[in-house]
Amino acid sequence: PATCSKCGSPIPAQAPSDLCLSCLLAGLNASRQPEPTPSTFGPYVLGPELGAGAGGRVYRAHDPELRRDVALKILVTPPGTEAGRRFRAGAEATAQLSHPHIVPVHAVGEHQGQLYLALQYVEGCNLSQLLARRLPLSDREAVSLLLPIVDAVHHAHS
């Protein structure tokens, strides 16, 4: 079996590179110039960016008033739009849930015309990162990953 030239992880024989997906993505992310970030956003002290997408950016941030770290999602969606109203309604609905596989919402709000959501900060990787390191999965591994997700979705919709 072929292995990644950087980390030694197994890669498919038909892979277009001698790097696994994780190392390939790490190289792409390292070459991207990070955007400068303000040191604060509302009451939060911003730390490193954890992720970004079309809807906004997520930062590790610190809430000095409550002395805890949060995952702070700052949206690009304007507050007065239908998408902004749906975001706020979804955040409020999620805040009512209590389940071991649903990340608790600490706050939802608006600062300088930008919507934000403060969630409990959970150390570790996300599902995409986990899958990139562990693919292909055995049936048993796939089921063990899916069961908590299915349980959380069921709880949210019941």
Protein backbone atom coordinates (compact mmCIF):
# COMPACT_ATOMS: atom_id res chain seq x y z
CA PRO A 1 0.00 0.00 0.00
CA ALA A 2 1.11 3.56 -0.76
CA THR A 3 1.94 5.88 2.14
CA CYS A 4 2.08 9.63 2.57
CA SER A 5 5.60 10.95 2.02
CA LYS A 6 5.18 13.42 4.87
CA CYS A 7 3.42 11.55 7.71
CA GLY A 8 3.45 7.91 6.61
CA SER A 9 -0.34 7.49 6.63
CA PRO A 10 -1.75 5.02 4.09
CA ILE A 11 -3.10 6.60 0.90
CA PRO A 12 -5.03 5.02 -1.97
CA ALA A 13 -2.84 3.69 -4.77
CA GLN A 14 -4.71 5.91 -7.25
CA ALA A 15 -4.11 9.09 -5.18
CA PRO A 16 -3.03 12.02 -7.39
CA SER A 17 -0.28 13.01 -4.95
CA ASP A 18 2.22 11.33 -2.67
CA LEU A 19 0.56 13.16 0.26
CA CYS A 20 -2.49 12.11 2.28
CA LEU A 21 -5.49 14.46 2.29
CA SER A 22 -4.59 15.88 5.73
CA CYS A 23 -1.02 16.78 4.71
CA LEU A 24 -2.19 18.13 1.36
CA LEU A 25 -4.78 20.38 3.06
CA ALA A 26 -2.27 21.44 5.70
CA GLY A 27 0.08 22.58 2.93
CA LEU A 28 -2.69 24.54 1.24
CA ASN A 29 -3.69 26.20 4.51
CA ALA A 30 -0.07 27.06 5.32
CA SER A 31 0.33 28.82 1.97
CA ARG A 32 -2.81 30.91 2.50
CA GLN A 33 -2.13 34.28 4.05
CA PRO A 34 -4.24 34.66 7.19
CA GLU A 35 -6.42 37.74 7.34
CA PRO A 36 -5.50 40.15 10.11
CA THR A 37 -8.07 39.97 12.87
CA PRO A 38 -9.09 42.59 15.37
CA SER A 39 -8.08 41.69 18.92
CA THR A 40 -11.64 41.99 20.22
CA PHE A 41 -15.17 41.53 18.96
CA GLY A 42 -17.80 42.87 21.35
CA PRO A 43 -17.04 41.44 24.77
CA TYR A 44 -14.80 38.67 23.37
CA VAL A 45 -11.02 38.59 23.00
CA LEU A 46 -10.30 36.87 19.70
CA GLY A 47 -7.84 34.04 19.40
CA PRO A 48 -6.92 31.97 16.37
CA GLU A 49 -9.29 31.42 13.48
CA LEU A 50 -10.67 27.88 13.62
CA GLY A 51 -12.45 27.86 10.28
CA ALA A 52 -14.06 29.91 7.57
CA GLY A 53 -16.72 29.45 4.95
CA ALA A 54 -19.13 31.37 2.79
CA GLY A 55 -21.26 32.26 5.82
CA GLY A 56 -18.54 33.67 8.04
CA ARG A 57 -15.60 32.82 10.27
CA VAL A 58 -15.19 30.89 13.51
CA TYR A 59 -12.62 31.92 16.12
CA ARG A 60 -11.46 30.55 19.39
CA ALA A 61 -12.25 33.47 21.67
CA HIS A 62 -12.18 34.27 25.36
CA ASP A 63 -15.09 35.67 27.35
CA PRO A 64 -13.32 37.64 30.10
CA GLU A 65 -16.52 38.28 32.04
CA LEU A 66 -17.30 34.57 32.46
CA ARG A 67 -13.62 33.53 32.25
CA ARG A 68 -14.11 30.84 29.62
CA ASP A 69 -13.14 30.13 26.04
CA VAL A 70 -15.84 29.95 23.38
CA ALA A 71 -16.11 29.15 19.70
CA LEU A 72 -17.25 32.48 18.26
CA LYS A 73 -18.97 32.33 14.88
CA ILE A 74 -19.12 35.76 13.20
CA LEU A 75 -21.47 35.84 10.23
CA VAL A 76 -21.30 37.88 7.07
CA THR A 77 -25.12 37.75 6.81
CA PRO A 78 -26.65 41.16 7.62
CA PRO A 79 -28.94 41.08 10.69
CA GLY A 80 -32.04 42.54 8.99
CA THR A 81 -32.21 39.97 6.20
CA GLU A 82 -34.32 36.83 6.07
CA ALA A 83 -31.14 34.75 6.38
CA GLY A 84 -30.17 36.77 9.45
CA ARG A 85 -33.58 36.18 11.04
CA ARG A 86 -33.35 32.44 10.30
CA PHE A 87 -29.87 32.32 11.82
CA ARG A 88 -31.07 34.01 15.01
CA ALA A 89 -34.16 31.75 15.25
CA GLY A 90 -31.99 28.66 14.74
CA ALA A 91 -29.54 29.79 17.41
CA GLU A 92 -32.36 30.45 19.87
CA ALA A 93 -33.90 27.03 19.17
CA THR A 94 -30.52 25.31 19.59
CA ALA A 95 -29.97 27.12 22.89
CA GLN A 96 -33.04 25.33 24.27
CA LEU A 97 -31.52 21.89 23.63
CA SER A 98 -29.57 19.89 26.16
CA HIS A 99 -27.84 16.81 24.76
CA PRO A 100 -24.32 15.38 25.15
CA HIS A 101 -23.71 15.56 21.37
CA ILE A 102 -25.07 19.06 20.76
CA VAL A 103 -22.68 21.92 21.52
CA PRO A 104 -24.33 24.37 23.95
CA VAL A 105 -25.05 27.92 22.79
CA HIS A 106 -23.82 30.57 25.24
CA ALA A 107 -24.94 33.71 23.39
CA VAL A 108 -26.32 35.05 20.15
CA GLY A 109 -26.16 38.72 19.28
CA GLU A 110 -25.11 41.55 17.04
CA HIS A 111 -21.99 43.71 17.22
CA GLN A 112 -21.25 46.55 14.82
CA GLY A 113 -23.78 45.22 12.31
CA GLN A 114 -22.53 41.62 12.38
CA LEU A 115 -24.39 38.67 13.85
CA TYR A 116 -22.49 36.31 16.08
CA LEU A 117 -22.98 33.06 17.95
CA ALA A 118 -20.91 32.05 20.97
CA LEU A 119 -20.78 28.30 21.53
CA GLN A 120 -19.02 26.12 24.07
CA TYR A 121 -15.46 25.62 22.85
CA VAL A 122 -14.74 21.94 22.23
CA GLU A 123 -11.08 20.96 21.94
CA GLY A 124 -10.19 18.64 19.07
CA CYS A 125 -10.79 18.21 15.38
CA ASN A 126 -14.02 18.43 13.41
CA LEU A 127 -15.65 15.54 11.56
CA SER A 128 -14.07 16.48 8.21
CA GLN A 129 -10.59 16.47 9.75
CA LEU A 130 -11.25 13.17 11.48
CA LEU A 131 -12.47 11.55 8.26
CA ALA A 132 -9.51 12.88 6.31
CA ARG A 133 -7.19 11.05 8.71
CA ARG A 134 -9.17 7.81 8.99
CA LEU A 135 -10.66 7.08 5.56
CA PRO A 136 -11.54 4.51 4.46
CA LEU A 137 -13.66 3.52 7.46
CA SER A 138 -14.75 0.03 8.34
CA ASP A 139 -18.49 -0.51 8.71
CA ARG A 140 -18.05 -0.65 12.50
CA GLU A 141 -16.13 2.67 12.55
CA ALA A 142 -18.74 4.36 10.34
CA VAL A 143 -21.58 3.21 12.59
CA SER A 144 -19.72 4.32 15.74
CA LEU A 145 -19.30 7.81 14.23
CA LEU A 146 -22.86 8.05 12.94
CA LEU A 147 -24.77 6.85 16.03
CA PRO A 148 -24.09 9.95 18.19
CA ILE A 149 -24.92 12.20 15.22
CA VAL A 150 -28.19 10.41 14.54
CA ASP A 151 -29.04 10.53 18.26
CA ALA A 152 -28.41 14.30 18.38
CA VAL A 153 -30.47 14.97 15.23
CA HIS A 154 -33.29 12.83 16.62
CA HIS A 155 -33.20 14.78 19.90
CA ALA A 156 -33.23 18.13 18.09
CA HIS A 157 -36.25 17.18 16.01
CA SER A 158 -38.33 15.44 18.68
